[in-house]
Amino acid sequence: MNILYGILSFLAPVGMLLMGILWKVTPPPFQKSGLSYNTELTRNNPEAWEAAHRHCSKLWIRIGIISGIVSGILLALFGDSLAIFWLWLIVGQMALFCVSVFMVDLLLKTQYGGEK
């Protein structure tokens, strides 16, 4: 069961790292549906679209590496109470993900204007 908790704890950091690398190497084309940073501002402005994916990829690569390392350390330290601890670890990772999205959105609104 500990192996399952370990795998689940690393899904978010690995996913963010892989998406960050993918968007850094080949960002999605303008207005493509699917896996993209798709907001009203980015749908209407190609420069905002490129900036969103550029900044998001940098953030997600950094957050993926840092949260993966921290998750590994915390799992090693709290291995005895892993059944209780892993859920809080995943909640923390998702909070980092949400904060990164809000940071990119705030950056886009200040650079490209969020009002109509």
C-alpha atoms as a PDB file:
ATOM      1  CA  MET A   1       0.000   0.000   0.000  1.00  0.00           C
ATOM      2  CA  ASN A   2       2.926   2.359   0.672  1.00  0.00           C
ATOM      3  CA  ILE A   3       3.982   2.027  -2.972  1.00  0.00           C
ATOM      4  CA  LEU A   4       0.539   3.189  -4.083  1.00  0.00           C
ATOM      5  CA  TYR A   5       0.718   6.217  -1.776  1.00  0.00           C
ATOM      6  CA  GLY A   6       4.167   7.027  -3.126  1.00  0.00           C
ATOM      7  CA  ILE A   7       2.990   6.825  -6.736  1.00  0.00           C
ATOM      8  CA  LEU A   8      -0.071   8.978  -6.016  1.00  0.00           C
ATOM      9  CA  SER A   9       2.089  11.544  -4.236  1.00  0.00           C
ATOM     10  CA  PHE A  10       4.286  12.008  -7.290  1.00  0.00           C
ATOM     11  CA  LEU A  11       1.532  12.240  -9.930  1.00  0.00           C
ATOM     12  CA  ALA A  12       1.033  16.007  -9.613  1.00  0.00           C
ATOM     13  CA  PRO A  13       4.731  17.010  -9.577  1.00  0.00           C
ATOM     14  CA  VAL A  14       5.549  14.723 -12.504  1.00  0.00           C
ATOM     15  CA  GLY A  15       2.492  15.933 -14.433  1.00  0.00           C
ATOM     16  CA  MET A  16       3.405  19.577 -13.901  1.00  0.00           C
ATOM     17  CA  LEU A  17       7.016  18.924 -14.859  1.00  0.00           C
ATOM     18  CA  LEU A  18       6.050  17.072 -18.041  1.00  0.00           C
ATOM     19  CA  MET A  19       3.508  19.719 -19.104  1.00  0.00           C
ATOM     20  CA  GLY A  20       6.016  22.465 -18.373  1.00  0.00           C
ATOM     21  CA  ILE A  21       8.644  20.779 -20.528  1.00  0.00           C
ATOM     22  CA  LEU A  22       6.114  20.057 -23.284  1.00  0.00           C
ATOM     23  CA  TRP A  23       4.901  23.670 -23.390  1.00  0.00           C
ATOM     24  CA  LYS A  24       8.469  24.962 -23.299  1.00  0.00           C
ATOM     25  CA  VAL A  25       9.498  22.792 -26.250  1.00  0.00           C
ATOM     26  CA  THR A  26       6.278  23.001 -28.282  1.00  0.00           C
ATOM     27  CA  PRO A  27       3.652  25.406 -26.964  1.00  0.00           C
ATOM     28  CA  PRO A  28       0.125  24.733 -28.196  1.00  0.00           C
ATOM     29  CA  PRO A  29      -0.961  26.680 -31.295  1.00  0.00           C
ATOM     30  CA  PHE A  30      -3.100  29.776 -30.811  1.00  0.00           C
ATOM     31  CA  GLN A  31      -6.714  28.981 -29.814  1.00  0.00           C
ATOM     32  CA  LYS A  32      -6.161  25.231 -29.757  1.00  0.00           C
ATOM     33  CA  SER A  33      -8.568  23.369 -27.525  1.00  0.00           C
ATOM     34  CA  GLY A  34      -7.300  20.622 -25.292  1.00  0.00           C
ATOM     35  CA  LEU A  35      -4.307  20.929 -22.982  1.00  0.00           C
ATOM     36  CA  SER A  36      -3.659  24.661 -23.042  1.00  0.00           C
ATOM     37  CA  TYR A  37      -3.870  27.715 -20.822  1.00  0.00           C
ATOM     38  CA  ASN A  38      -7.203  28.838 -22.214  1.00  0.00           C
ATOM     39  CA  THR A  39      -8.834  31.935 -20.709  1.00  0.00           C
ATOM     40  CA  GLU A  40     -10.874  34.734 -22.245  1.00  0.00           C
ATOM     41  CA  LEU A  41      -7.828  36.994 -22.398  1.00  0.00           C
ATOM     42  CA  THR A  42      -5.602  34.389 -24.052  1.00  0.00           C
ATOM     43  CA  ARG A  43      -8.289  33.401 -26.565  1.00  0.00           C
ATOM     44  CA  ASN A  44      -8.552  36.980 -27.832  1.00  0.00           C
ATOM     45  CA  ASN A  45      -4.859  37.918 -27.905  1.00  0.00           C
ATOM     46  CA  PRO A  46      -2.143  35.781 -29.579  1.00  0.00           C
ATOM     47  CA  GLU A  47       0.624  37.568 -27.652  1.00  0.00           C
ATOM     48  CA  ALA A  48      -1.110  36.835 -24.346  1.00  0.00           C
ATOM     49  CA  TRP A  49      -1.509  33.196 -25.447  1.00  0.00           C
ATOM     50  CA  GLU A  50       2.237  32.858 -26.052  1.00  0.00           C
ATOM     51  CA  ALA A  51       3.131  34.700 -22.844  1.00  0.00           C
ATOM     52  CA  ALA A  52       0.781  32.528 -20.785  1.00  0.00           C
ATOM     53  CA  HIS A  53       2.320  29.308 -22.034  1.00  0.00           C
ATOM     54  CA  ARG A  54       5.862  30.660 -21.727  1.00  0.00           C
ATOM     55  CA  HIS A  55       5.375  31.761 -18.112  1.00  0.00           C
ATOM     56  CA  CYS A  56       3.287  28.745 -17.167  1.00  0.00           C
ATOM     57  CA  SER A  57       5.922  26.362 -18.510  1.00  0.00           C
ATOM     58  CA  LYS A  58       8.669  28.046 -16.472  1.00  0.00           C
ATOM     59  CA  LEU A  59       6.574  27.969 -13.310  1.00  0.00           C
ATOM     60  CA  TRP A  60       5.437  24.384 -13.737  1.00  0.00           C
ATOM     61  CA  ILE A  61       8.940  23.093 -14.401  1.00  0.00           C
ATOM     62  CA  ARG A  62      10.189  24.780 -11.233  1.00  0.00           C
ATOM     63  CA  ILE A  63       7.192  23.795  -9.121  1.00  0.00           C
ATOM     64  CA  GLY A  64       7.280  20.220 -10.445  1.00  0.00           C
ATOM     65  CA  ILE A  65      10.942  19.779  -9.505  1.00  0.00           C
ATOM     66  CA  ILE A  66      10.670  21.492  -6.127  1.00  0.00           C
ATOM     67  CA  SER A  67       7.431  19.795  -5.066  1.00  0.00           C
ATOM     68  CA  GLY A  68       8.754  16.427  -6.241  1.00  0.00           C
ATOM     69  CA  ILE A  69      11.894  16.789  -4.128  1.00  0.00           C
ATOM     70  CA  VAL A  70       9.953  18.073  -1.115  1.00  0.00           C
ATOM     71  CA  SER A  71       7.382  15.276  -1.512  1.00  0.00           C
ATOM     72  CA  GLY A  72      10.134  12.666  -1.571  1.00  0.00           C
ATOM     73  CA  ILE A  73      11.753  14.085   1.544  1.00  0.00           C
ATOM     74  CA  LEU A  74       8.447  14.335   3.400  1.00  0.00           C
ATOM     75  CA  LEU A  75       7.432  10.817   2.406  1.00  0.00           C
ATOM     76  CA  ALA A  76      10.752   9.529   3.731  1.00  0.00           C
ATOM     77  CA  LEU A  77      10.363  11.435   7.002  1.00  0.00           C
ATOM     78  CA  PHE A  78       6.709  10.561   7.611  1.00  0.00           C
ATOM     79  CA  GLY A  79       6.742   7.016   6.248  1.00  0.00           C
ATOM     80  CA  ASP A  80       5.191   5.634   9.428  1.00  0.00           C
ATOM     81  CA  SER A  81       1.993   7.669   9.107  1.00  0.00           C
ATOM     82  CA  LEU A  82       1.846   7.592   5.318  1.00  0.00           C
ATOM     83  CA  ALA A  83      -1.828   6.668   5.114  1.00  0.00           C
ATOM     84  CA  ILE A  84      -2.836   9.950   6.752  1.00  0.00           C
ATOM     85  CA  PHE A  85      -0.040  12.127   5.416  1.00  0.00           C
ATOM     86  CA  TRP A  86      -0.253  11.517   1.662  1.00  0.00           C
ATOM     87  CA  LEU A  87      -3.638  13.226   1.284  1.00  0.00           C
ATOM     88  CA  TRP A  88      -2.333  16.436   2.861  1.00  0.00           C
ATOM     89  CA  LEU A  89       0.695  16.244   0.628  1.00  0.00           C
ATOM     90  CA  ILE A  90      -1.483  16.065  -2.481  1.00  0.00           C
ATOM     91  CA  VAL A  91      -3.650  18.936  -1.225  1.00  0.00           C
ATOM     92  CA  GLY A  92      -0.500  21.038  -0.834  1.00  0.00           C
ATOM     93  CA  GLN A  93       0.623  20.172  -4.359  1.00  0.00           C
ATOM     94  CA  MET A  94      -2.743  21.175  -5.794  1.00  0.00           C
ATOM     95  CA  ALA A  95      -2.585  24.444  -3.848  1.00  0.00           C
ATOM     96  CA  LEU A  96       0.770  25.168  -5.534  1.00  0.00           C
ATOM     97  CA  PHE A  97      -0.815  24.406  -8.898  1.00  0.00           C
ATOM     98  CA  CYS A  98      -3.699  26.820  -8.237  1.00  0.00           C
ATOM     99  CA  VAL A  99      -1.344  29.544  -7.023  1.00  0.00           C
ATOM    100  CA  SER A 100       0.727  29.206 -10.209  1.00  0.00           C
ATOM    101  CA  VAL A 101      -2.375  29.611 -12.379  1.00  0.00           C
ATOM    102  CA  PHE A 102      -3.445  32.721 -10.428  1.00  0.00           C
ATOM    103  CA  MET A 103       0.077  34.149 -10.732  1.00  0.00           C
ATOM    104  CA  VAL A 104       0.083  33.724 -14.515  1.00  0.00           C
ATOM    105  CA  ASP A 105      -3.414  35.173 -14.763  1.00  0.00           C
ATOM    106  CA  LEU A 106      -2.410  38.212 -12.693  1.00  0.00           C
ATOM    107  CA  LEU A 107       0.692  38.704 -14.841  1.00  0.00           C
ATOM    108  CA  LEU A 108      -1.372  38.552 -18.033  1.00  0.00           C
ATOM    109  CA  LYS A 109      -3.926  41.022 -16.712  1.00  0.00           C
ATOM    110  CA  THR A 110      -1.223  43.516 -15.784  1.00  0.00           C
ATOM    111  CA  GLN A 111       0.634  43.147 -19.110  1.00  0.00           C
ATOM    112  CA  TYR A 112      -2.246  42.832 -21.554  1.00  0.00           C
ATOM    113  CA  GLY A 113      -5.133  44.433 -19.672  1.00  0.00           C
ATOM    114  CA  GLY A 114      -7.966  42.307 -18.404  1.00  0.00           C
ATOM    115  CA  GLU A 115     -10.794  44.714 -19.017  1.00  0.00           C
ATOM    116  CA  LYS A 116     -12.783  44.854 -22.255  1.00  0.00           C
END
